Protein backbone atom coordinates (compact mmCIF):
# COMPACT_ATOMS: atom_id res chain seq x y z
CA MET A 1 0.01 -0.23 -0.04
CA PRO A 2 1.71 3.12 -1.04
CA ARG A 3 1.89 6.01 1.79
CA ILE A 4 1.56 9.69 0.99
CA ALA A 5 2.78 12.40 3.16
CA LEU A 6 0.90 15.60 2.94
CA PHE A 7 2.61 19.01 4.79
CA ALA A 8 0.55 22.00 4.65
CA ASP A 9 0.51 25.69 5.98
CA ILE A 10 -1.29 29.18 5.60
CA ALA A 11 -0.09 32.42 4.34
CA GLY A 12 -1.97 35.63 4.97
CA ARG A 13 -3.25 35.07 8.26
CA PRO A 14 -7.14 35.01 8.35
CA THR A 15 -7.65 38.05 10.62
CA LEU A 16 -11.12 39.49 11.35
CA SER A 17 -10.50 42.44 9.57
CA THR A 18 -10.35 42.56 5.71
CA VAL A 19 -9.02 46.01 5.06
CA ALA A 20 -5.23 45.44 4.89
CA ASN A 21 -5.79 42.02 3.04
CA PRO A 22 -8.89 39.97 2.37
CA LEU A 23 -6.97 37.00 0.88
CA THR A 24 -5.62 33.80 2.89
CA THR A 25 -4.35 31.01 1.18
CA ALA A 26 -3.36 27.28 2.42
CA ALA A 27 -0.98 25.34 0.39
CA ALA A 28 -0.41 21.44 0.70
CA VAL A 29 2.87 19.84 -0.57
CA ALA A 30 2.51 16.00 -1.38
CA PHE A 31 5.41 13.54 -1.06
CA TYR A 32 5.74 9.94 -1.04
CA GLN A 33 6.37 8.48 2.23
CA ALA A 34 9.55 6.37 1.26
CA ASP A 35 11.09 9.51 0.08
CA LEU A 36 10.96 11.63 3.50
CA PRO A 37 14.34 10.42 4.81
CA GLU A 38 16.05 11.63 1.57
CA LEU A 39 14.27 14.77 1.36
CA ARG A 40 14.96 15.89 4.95
CA SER A 41 18.55 15.24 4.30
CA LYS A 42 18.17 17.52 1.19
CA THR A 43 16.38 20.39 3.04
CA PRO A 44 18.76 22.84 4.21
CA ILE A 45 19.11 23.14 8.23
CA GLN A 46 18.77 26.91 7.81
CA LEU A 47 16.28 27.24 4.93
CA PRO A 48 14.53 30.55 5.45
CA LYS A 49 10.81 31.16 5.94
CA TRP A 50 8.94 32.42 3.00
CA LYS A 51 9.10 35.93 4.61
CA ASN A 52 12.93 35.99 4.61
CA GLN A 53 13.64 34.47 1.50
CA SER A 54 15.34 36.14 -1.52
CA LYS A 55 14.22 35.75 -4.97
CA ALA A 56 17.18 33.53 -5.69
CA GLY A 57 16.13 31.45 -2.82
CA VAL A 58 12.46 31.08 -3.70
CA ARG A 59 13.50 30.05 -7.50
CA LYS A 60 15.40 27.30 -5.60
CA ALA A 61 12.75 26.22 -3.62
CA ALA A 62 10.37 25.91 -6.43
CA LYS A 63 12.80 23.82 -8.51
CA PHE A 64 13.10 21.49 -5.45
CA LEU A 65 9.15 21.33 -5.52
CA GLN A 66 9.24 20.78 -9.06
CA ASP A 67 12.00 18.05 -8.59
CA HIS A 68 10.61 15.93 -5.58
CA ALA A 69 7.12 16.85 -4.97
CA ILE A 70 4.12 14.53 -6.37
CA VAL A 71 1.85 17.95 -6.28
CA VAL A 72 1.72 21.31 -4.72
CA SER A 73 -1.80 22.42 -4.17
CA SER A 74 -3.20 25.66 -2.88
CA VAL A 75 -6.56 27.36 -2.29
CA THR A 76 -7.31 30.80 -1.83
CA VAL A 77 -10.30 32.38 -0.08
CA ASN A 78 -11.58 36.00 -0.11
CA ARG A 79 -12.80 37.00 3.12
CA ASP A 80 -14.65 40.23 2.12
CA THR A 81 -18.10 38.77 1.74
CA PRO A 82 -21.12 39.33 3.70
CA GLN A 83 -20.98 35.81 4.92
CA TRP A 84 -17.78 36.56 6.46
CA ARG A 85 -19.00 39.50 8.45
CA SER A 86 -22.12 37.35 9.54
CA ALA A 87 -19.73 34.48 10.62
CA ILE A 88 -17.78 37.02 12.90
CA LYS A 89 -21.03 37.71 14.73
CA ASP A 90 -22.15 34.27 15.13
CA ALA A 91 -18.39 33.06 16.01
CA GLU A 92 -18.41 35.73 18.87
CA LEU A 93 -21.97 34.53 20.11
CA LEU A 94 -20.90 30.92 20.35
CA HIS A 95 -17.41 31.43 21.77
CA SER A 96 -18.99 33.54 24.53
CA ARG A 97 -21.87 31.18 25.39
CA ILE A 98 -19.56 28.39 25.49
CA ALA A 99 -17.37 30.01 27.76
CA SER A 100 -19.68 31.42 29.88
CA GLN A 101 -21.71 28.16 30.64
CA SER A 102 -18.80 25.66 30.63
CA ARG A 103 -16.02 27.90 31.72
CA ALA A 104 -13.92 25.94 29.08
CA LYS A 105 -11.68 27.25 26.68
CA ALA A 106 -13.62 27.47 23.17
CA GLY A 107 -10.79 28.84 20.98
CA TRP A 108 -11.71 26.18 18.28
CA ALA A 109 -14.94 28.20 17.95
CA LYS A 110 -13.24 31.36 16.81
CA LEU A 111 -13.72 32.07 13.13
CA PRO A 112 -9.83 32.37 12.36
CA VAL A 113 -9.37 28.73 13.50
CA VAL A 114 -12.45 27.32 11.81
CA LEU A 115 -11.14 29.13 8.53
CA ALA A 116 -7.76 27.37 9.03
CA TYR A 117 -9.58 24.17 9.60
CA GLU A 118 -11.33 24.59 6.20
CA LEU A 119 -8.55 25.76 4.15
CA LEU A 120 -6.05 23.28 5.29
CA SER A 121 -8.35 20.39 4.70
CA ARG A 122 -9.15 22.10 1.17
CA ALA A 123 -5.59 22.12 0.11
CA CYS A 124 -4.77 18.65 1.48
CA PHE A 125 -7.87 16.97 -0.37
CA MET A 126 -6.78 19.01 -3.52
CA ALA A 127 -3.67 17.37 -3.40
CA LEU A 128 -4.92 13.52 -2.56
CA ALA A 129 -7.41 14.22 -5.33
CA HIS A 130 -4.36 14.98 -7.85
CA VAL A 131 -2.44 12.14 -6.80
CA LEU A 132 -5.27 9.65 -7.10
CA ARG A 133 -6.03 11.06 -10.45
CA GLU A 134 -2.54 11.33 -12.11
CA ASP A 135 -0.39 9.17 -10.32
CA ARG A 136 -1.76 5.94 -10.90
CA PRO A 137 1.59 3.78 -11.65
CA ARG A 138 2.39 3.57 -7.96
CA HIS A 139 -0.93 2.77 -6.75
CA VAL A 140 -1.72 -0.72 -5.21
CA PHE A 141 -5.01 -2.18 -5.86
CA SER A 142 -6.78 -3.87 -2.71
CA ASP A 143 -8.51 -7.27 -2.69
CA LEU A 144 -11.90 -5.46 -3.51
CA GLY A 145 -10.49 -3.93 -6.63
CA GLY A 146 -10.24 -0.60 -5.21
CA THR A 147 -7.07 1.38 -4.59
CA ALA A 148 -6.01 1.54 -1.01
CA ILE A 149 -3.59 4.59 0.11
CA GLU A 150 -2.42 5.49 3.32
CA CYS A 151 -2.00 9.28 3.58
CA ASP A 152 -0.33 11.09 6.59
CA VAL A 153 -0.80 14.63 7.11
CA THR A 154 1.41 17.30 8.83
CA CYS A 155 0.18 20.96 9.42
CA ASP A 156 2.10 23.99 10.69
CA LYS A 157 0.67 24.83 13.99
CA GLU A 158 -1.64 27.61 13.43
CA PHE A 159 -3.37 27.12 16.72
CA SER A 160 -2.59 28.63 20.15
CA SER A 161 -3.76 25.64 22.38
CA ALA A 162 -3.55 22.07 22.82
CA GLU A 163 -7.50 21.99 22.82
CA ASP A 164 -7.49 23.97 19.28
CA ILE A 165 -5.06 21.16 18.15
CA GLU A 166 -6.99 18.33 19.08
CA VAL A 167 -10.08 19.75 17.65
CA PHE A 168 -8.41 20.51 14.45
CA LYS A 169 -7.08 16.51 14.20
CA SER A 170 -10.92 15.63 15.08
CA PHE A 171 -12.03 17.71 12.23
CA TRP A 172 -9.53 16.43 9.85
CA ASN A 173 -10.11 12.84 10.68
CA GLU A 174 -13.60 12.97 10.85
CA SER A 175 -14.54 15.21 7.89
CA ASN A 176 -11.95 16.04 5.67
CA VAL A 177 -12.39 13.29 3.00
CA PRO A 178 -15.65 12.37 1.71
CA ALA A 179 -15.21 8.39 1.98
CA ALA A 180 -18.32 7.44 0.78
CA ALA A 181 -17.62 9.43 -2.76
CA LEU A 182 -14.01 8.12 -3.03
CA TRP A 183 -15.29 4.43 -2.26
CA GLN A 184 -17.59 4.73 -5.21
CA LEU A 185 -14.77 5.79 -7.36
CA GLY A 186 -12.99 2.54 -6.36
CA TYR A 187 -10.74 4.12 -3.63
CA THR A 188 -10.29 3.77 0.03
CA VAL A 189 -7.91 6.22 2.09
CA SER A 190 -6.80 5.98 5.43
CA HIS A 191 -5.09 8.71 7.44
CA PRO A 192 -3.02 6.89 10.15
CA ASN A 193 -1.27 9.83 11.35
CA VAL A 194 -2.64 13.47 11.65
CA THR A 195 0.13 15.61 13.20
CA VAL A 196 0.20 19.53 14.07
CA THR A 197 3.91 20.84 14.70
CA THR A 198 6.27 23.50 13.75
CA ASP A 199 8.90 23.52 11.38
CA GLU A 200 11.63 23.49 13.92
CA ASP A 201 10.37 19.93 14.61
CA GLU A 202 9.57 18.98 11.04
CA ARG A 203 11.78 20.66 8.57
CA LEU A 204 9.69 19.35 5.66
CA LEU A 205 7.00 21.77 6.76
CA MET A 206 9.43 24.71 5.46
CA TRP A 207 8.46 23.58 1.81
CA ALA A 208 4.77 24.12 2.77
CA ASP A 209 5.49 27.43 4.19
CA ILE A 210 7.22 28.39 1.16
CA ALA A 211 4.77 27.18 -1.24
CA ALA A 212 1.78 28.77 0.64
CA GLY A 213 3.74 32.32 0.56
CA LEU A 214 4.44 31.89 -3.13
CA CYS A 215 0.86 30.73 -4.15
CA HIS A 216 -0.60 33.66 -1.84
CA SER A 217 1.93 36.08 -3.76
CA ALA A 218 0.71 34.91 -6.84
CA ARG A 219 -2.96 35.94 -6.03
CA LEU A 220 -1.86 39.18 -4.27
CA GLU A 221 -1.97 41.76 -7.15
CA GLN A 222 -2.32 44.66 -4.70
CA PRO A 223 -0.23 43.48 -1.66
CA GLY A 224 -0.18 47.15 0.08
CA THR A 225 1.87 47.46 2.82
CA ILE A 226 2.43 43.79 2.88
CA SER A 227 5.99 42.83 2.15
CA MET A 228 6.74 40.05 -0.18
CA PRO A 229 9.81 38.64 -1.48
CA LEU A 230 8.55 38.43 -4.90
CA SER A 231 5.80 40.54 -6.96
CA CYS A 232 2.55 39.13 -8.04
CA SER A 233 3.66 38.59 -11.59
CA VAL A 234 7.27 37.39 -10.68
CA SER A 235 5.40 34.63 -8.45
CA ARG A 236 3.30 33.63 -11.24
CA ARG A 237 6.32 33.17 -13.44
CA VAL A 238 8.22 31.22 -10.67
CA LEU A 239 5.25 28.79 -10.44
CA GLU A 240 4.98 28.24 -14.12
CA PRO A 241 7.51 25.18 -14.51
CA LEU A 242 5.54 23.39 -11.84
CA ARG A 243 2.19 23.88 -13.64
CA ALA A 244 3.82 22.99 -17.00
CA ASP A 245 4.75 19.45 -15.05
CA ASN A 246 1.46 18.92 -14.03
CA LYS A 247 2.37 19.43 -10.32
CA LEU A 248 0.66 22.54 -9.57
CA VAL A 249 -3.34 22.76 -8.53
CA LEU A 250 -4.72 25.93 -7.91
CA ASP A 251 -8.43 27.20 -6.54
CA ALA A 252 -10.08 30.02 -5.27
CA TYR A 253 -13.41 30.95 -3.81
CA ALA A 254 -15.29 33.50 -1.88
CA PHE A 255 -15.94 32.76 1.85
CA GLY A 256 -19.56 31.58 2.19
CA THR A 257 -19.12 29.22 5.13
CA LYS A 258 -22.39 29.55 7.81
CA TYR A 259 -21.55 28.68 11.22
CA ASP A 260 -24.96 26.87 11.41
CA ASP A 261 -23.93 24.32 9.01
CA VAL A 262 -20.48 23.70 10.94
CA PHE A 263 -21.72 23.63 14.56
CA GLY A 264 -25.48 22.85 14.17
CA GLU A 265 -27.12 22.12 17.47
CA ALA A 266 -24.60 24.11 19.17
CA MET A 267 -25.43 27.14 17.20
CA SER A 268 -28.97 27.06 17.68
CA ALA A 269 -28.45 26.55 21.39
CA ALA A 270 -26.24 29.63 21.66
CA ARG A 271 -29.12 31.52 19.70
CA GLY A 272 -31.52 30.10 22.17
CA ASP A 273 -33.24 28.45 19.16
CA ALA A 274 -33.11 24.99 20.87
């Protein structure tokens, strides 16, 4: 059974305000699990983060991804929507009700954290879908005739507390892959390991950090006061070889998530509807 390893990170922090920058981007980089020891040895110990990269450094990083990644996937959300402003109010209500009634920390209910769940899951699923669609030669078929793949997931630590991390792991394990739909297509995918850590502890997350920053820069036509190592146009040119090799999957959408759809009865109870 082939094992895929996904490494994911976010660029453009999902703050509540959309004035300075309404866009947030997540990227996932897929490698084969068997290749990880070699890739770790090839990852420079002092590899700079995206924000500290030079133009030459970004080009080298893109070439590394072109040579070694199965795929780089990226999804960008525009938060400047009525649904985002409505979600801000719902998130504040839900968080305050949980905190006041149970005296428990409820950082997992805050909107930036929920958006991080959503973006990281989308980026990872896009990468996985690309592997299933395009990288058939290394698949192994199960006894039932379907393709069986194990997919480990490692995300950069976007969350401030251990509780947030545990909720994210639960969110990923329970809801990120529509298992029934994949089964109908002949695929079975398991996730034996879901890890939330830092790039200091997992160096391969640095490639996800750079991929997220590069893809975010390629979307940010008007960065304003935001400092980027590369301009939007240059970032797009740097990504072009990955696209030409069919190793780049991009998506963008306007935020439309409703807290009622995510939290259901908990949201109704917070409003007093239950």
